[in-house]
C-alpha atoms as a PDB file:
ATOM      1  CA  ILE A   1     113.445  89.769 119.297  1.00  0.00           C
ATOM      2  CA  LYS A   2     117.046  89.466 120.456  1.00  0.00           C
ATOM      3  CA  ASN A   3     117.398  86.222 118.519  1.00  0.00           C
ATOM      4  CA  ASP A   4     116.100  87.845 115.321  1.00  0.00           C
ATOM      5  CA  VAL A   5     118.454  90.806 115.785  1.00  0.00           C
ATOM      6  CA  GLU A   6     121.396  88.425 116.129  1.00  0.00           C
ATOM      7  CA  THR A   7     120.496  85.861 113.466  1.00  0.00           C
ATOM      8  CA  GLN A   8     118.752  87.980 110.819  1.00  0.00           C
ATOM      9  CA  GLY A   9     121.261  90.858 110.628  1.00  0.00           C
ATOM     10  CA  ASP A  10     122.559  90.055 107.141  1.00  0.00           C
ATOM     11  CA  PHE A  11     119.022  89.565 105.864  1.00  0.00           C
ATOM     12  CA  ILE A  12     117.874  92.896 107.317  1.00  0.00           C
ATOM     13  CA  ARG A  13     120.916  94.719 105.934  1.00  0.00           C
ATOM     14  CA  TYR A  14     120.016  93.262 102.512  1.00  0.00           C
ATOM     15  CA  LEU A  15     116.453  94.585 102.891  1.00  0.00           C
ATOM     16  CA  ILE A  16     117.800  97.992 103.941  1.00  0.00           C
ATOM     17  CA  LYS A  17     119.832  98.193 100.716  1.00  0.00           C
ATOM     18  CA  GLU A  18     116.788  97.168  98.681  1.00  0.00           C
ATOM     19  CA  VAL A  19     114.602  99.859 100.271  1.00  0.00           C
ATOM     20  CA  GLU A  20     117.278 102.550 100.023  1.00  0.00           C
ATOM     21  CA  GLY A  21     117.923 101.689  96.383  1.00  0.00           C
ATOM     22  CA  ALA A  22     114.279 101.478  95.420  1.00  0.00           C
ATOM     23  CA  ALA A  23     113.309 104.084  92.841  1.00  0.00           C
ATOM     24  CA  PHE A  24     110.175 103.811  90.762  1.00  0.00           C
ATOM     25  CA  THR A  25     108.851 105.794  87.839  1.00  0.00           C
ATOM     26  CA  ASP A  26     105.475 104.047  87.869  1.00  0.00           C
ATOM     27  CA  ILE A  27     103.305 103.677  90.976  1.00  0.00           C
ATOM     28  CA  GLU A  28     102.194 100.261  89.732  1.00  0.00           C
ATOM     29  CA  ASP A  29     105.747  99.013  90.360  1.00  0.00           C
ATOM     30  CA  VAL A  30     105.612 100.108  94.002  1.00  0.00           C
ATOM     31  CA  VAL A  31     102.719  97.755  94.822  1.00  0.00           C
ATOM     32  CA  PRO A  32     104.562  94.448  94.199  1.00  0.00           C
ATOM     33  CA  PHE A  33     107.717  95.794  95.851  1.00  0.00           C
ATOM     34  CA  VAL A  34     105.793  96.675  99.022  1.00  0.00           C
ATOM     35  CA  LYS A  35     104.086  93.284  98.986  1.00  0.00           C
ATOM     36  CA  TRP A  36     107.457  91.550  98.620  1.00  0.00           C
ATOM     37  CA  LEU A  37     108.958  93.663 101.413  1.00  0.00           C
ATOM     38  CA  ASP A  38     106.051  92.998 103.764  1.00  0.00           C
ATOM     39  CA  ASP A  39     106.231  89.271 103.001  1.00  0.00           C
ATOM     40  CA  GLU A  40     109.955  89.246 103.817  1.00  0.00           C
ATOM     41  CA  LEU A  41     109.481  91.222 107.031  1.00  0.00           C
ATOM     42  CA  SER A  42     106.674  88.931 108.150  1.00  0.00           C
ATOM     43  CA  TYR A  43     109.287  86.309 109.049  1.00  0.00           C
ATOM     44  CA  LEU A  44     110.490  88.503 111.917  1.00  0.00           C
ATOM     45  CA  VAL A  45     109.013  87.939 115.362  1.00  0.00           C
ATOM     46  CA  ASP A  46     108.172  91.646 115.804  1.00  0.00           C
ATOM     47  CA  GLU A  47     109.019  93.773 112.789  1.00  0.00           C
ATOM     48  CA  ARG A  48     109.174  97.173 114.502  1.00  0.00           C
ATOM     49  CA  ALA A  49     111.035  95.916 117.571  1.00  0.00           C
ATOM     50  CA  VAL A  50     113.680  94.142 115.483  1.00  0.00           C
ATOM     51  CA  LEU A  51     114.147  96.899 112.907  1.00  0.00           C
ATOM     52  CA  LYS A  52     114.764  99.579 115.536  1.00  0.00           C
ATOM     53  CA  HIS A  53     118.109  97.860 116.199  1.00  0.00           C
ATOM     54  CA  PHE A  54     119.208  98.664 112.639  1.00  0.00           C
ATOM     55  CA  ASP A  55     119.493 101.784 110.520  1.00  0.00           C
ATOM     56  CA  TRP A  56     116.128 100.975 108.927  1.00  0.00           C
ATOM     57  CA  PRO A  57     114.894 103.566 106.379  1.00  0.00           C
ATOM     58  CA  GLU A  58     111.532 103.775 108.127  1.00  0.00           C
ATOM     59  CA  GLN A  59     110.291 106.955 106.475  1.00  0.00           C
ATOM     60  CA  LYS A  60     110.958 105.680 102.960  1.00  0.00           C
ATOM     61  CA  ALA A  61     109.477 102.237 103.654  1.00  0.00           C
ATOM     62  CA  ASP A  62     106.386 103.783 105.255  1.00  0.00           C
ATOM     63  CA  ALA A  63     105.999 106.272 102.384  1.00  0.00           C
ATOM     64  CA  MET A  64     106.122 103.439  99.849  1.00  0.00           C
ATOM     65  CA  ARG A  65     103.570 101.440 101.853  1.00  0.00           C
ATOM     66  CA  GLU A  66     101.255 104.419 102.067  1.00  0.00           C
ATOM     67  CA  ALA A  67     101.624 105.127  98.350  1.00  0.00           C
ATOM     68  CA  ALA A  68     100.933 101.492  97.446  1.00  0.00           C
ATOM     69  CA  PHE A  69      97.867 101.252  99.684  1.00  0.00           C
ATOM     70  CA  GLY A  70      96.550 104.602  98.470  1.00  0.00           C
ATOM     71  CA  TYR A  71      97.012 103.535  94.860  1.00  0.00           C
ATOM     72  CA  CYS A  72      95.201 100.234  95.479  1.00  0.00           C
ATOM     73  CA  ASP A  73      92.349 102.116  97.152  1.00  0.00           C
ATOM     74  CA  LEU A  74      92.081 104.448  94.165  1.00  0.00           C
ATOM     75  CA  LYS A  75      92.086 101.514  91.726  1.00  0.00           C
ATOM     76  CA  LYS A  76      89.301  99.873  93.739  1.00  0.00           C
ATOM     77  CA  LEU A  77      87.307 103.110  93.717  1.00  0.00           C
ATOM     78  CA  GLU A  78      87.888 103.495  89.990  1.00  0.00           C
ATOM     79  CA  SER A  79      86.552  99.992  89.459  1.00  0.00           C
ATOM     80  CA  GLU A  80      83.473 100.666  91.600  1.00  0.00           C
ATOM     81  CA  ALA A  81      82.762 103.988  89.897  1.00  0.00           C
ATOM     82  CA  SER A  82      83.247 102.654  86.386  1.00  0.00           C
ATOM     83  CA  SER A  83      81.015  99.676  87.053  1.00  0.00           C
ATOM     84  CA  PHE A  84      78.183 101.850  88.393  1.00  0.00           C
ATOM     85  CA  ARG A  85      75.073 101.497  86.289  1.00  0.00           C
ATOM     86  CA  ASP A  86      72.015 103.620  86.718  1.00  0.00           C
ATOM     87  CA  ASP A  87      68.961 101.445  87.194  1.00  0.00           C
ATOM     88  CA  PRO A  88      65.817 103.321  86.177  1.00  0.00           C
ATOM     89  CA  ARG A  89      63.775 100.961  88.365  1.00  0.00           C
ATOM     90  CA  GLN A  90      65.670 102.064  91.470  1.00  0.00           C
ATOM     91  CA  LEU A  91      64.311 104.954  93.511  1.00  0.00           C
ATOM     92  CA  CYS A  92      66.071 108.256  92.975  1.00  0.00           C
ATOM     93  CA  GLY A  93      67.110 108.722  96.628  1.00  0.00           C
ATOM     94  CA  PRO A  94      69.141 105.502  97.015  1.00  0.00           C
ATOM     95  CA  ALA A  95      70.702 105.960  93.566  1.00  0.00           C
ATOM     96  CA  LEU A  96      71.815 109.510  94.413  1.00  0.00           C
ATOM     97  CA  LYS A  97      73.165 108.333  97.761  1.00  0.00           C
ATOM     98  CA  LYS A  98      75.268 105.667  96.037  1.00  0.00           C
ATOM     99  CA  MET A  99      76.531 108.246  93.516  1.00  0.00           C
ATOM    100  CA  GLN A 100      77.388 110.639  96.315  1.00  0.00           C
ATOM    101  CA  THR A 101      79.261 107.928  98.235  1.00  0.00           C
ATOM    102  CA  LEU A 102      81.328 107.110  95.157  1.00  0.00           C
ATOM    103  CA  PHE A 103      81.943 110.813  94.537  1.00  0.00           C
ATOM    104  CA  GLU A 104      83.153 111.430  98.086  1.00  0.00           C
END
């Protein structure tokens, strides 16, 4: 951790500026940014332990991660719901249960 703090300082300060300057008008743009950020941070030995030594914009980075993951979950749910097809051969109970699961 100490080695990363000492050797990756310029890199982390660059990432800090990128996160602080990040502003999106479309949630779809947040997803690749978060993926890029997570890929860059994966090179650190222990992300949280290293970043606490810097003025890391944790709340903003975490909010973007949460927004990106939530959006991806919603897109997955949208895909599942839109691909649902009622099969008249299927019993009513299991079909209703699947519909209810998608609804919830």
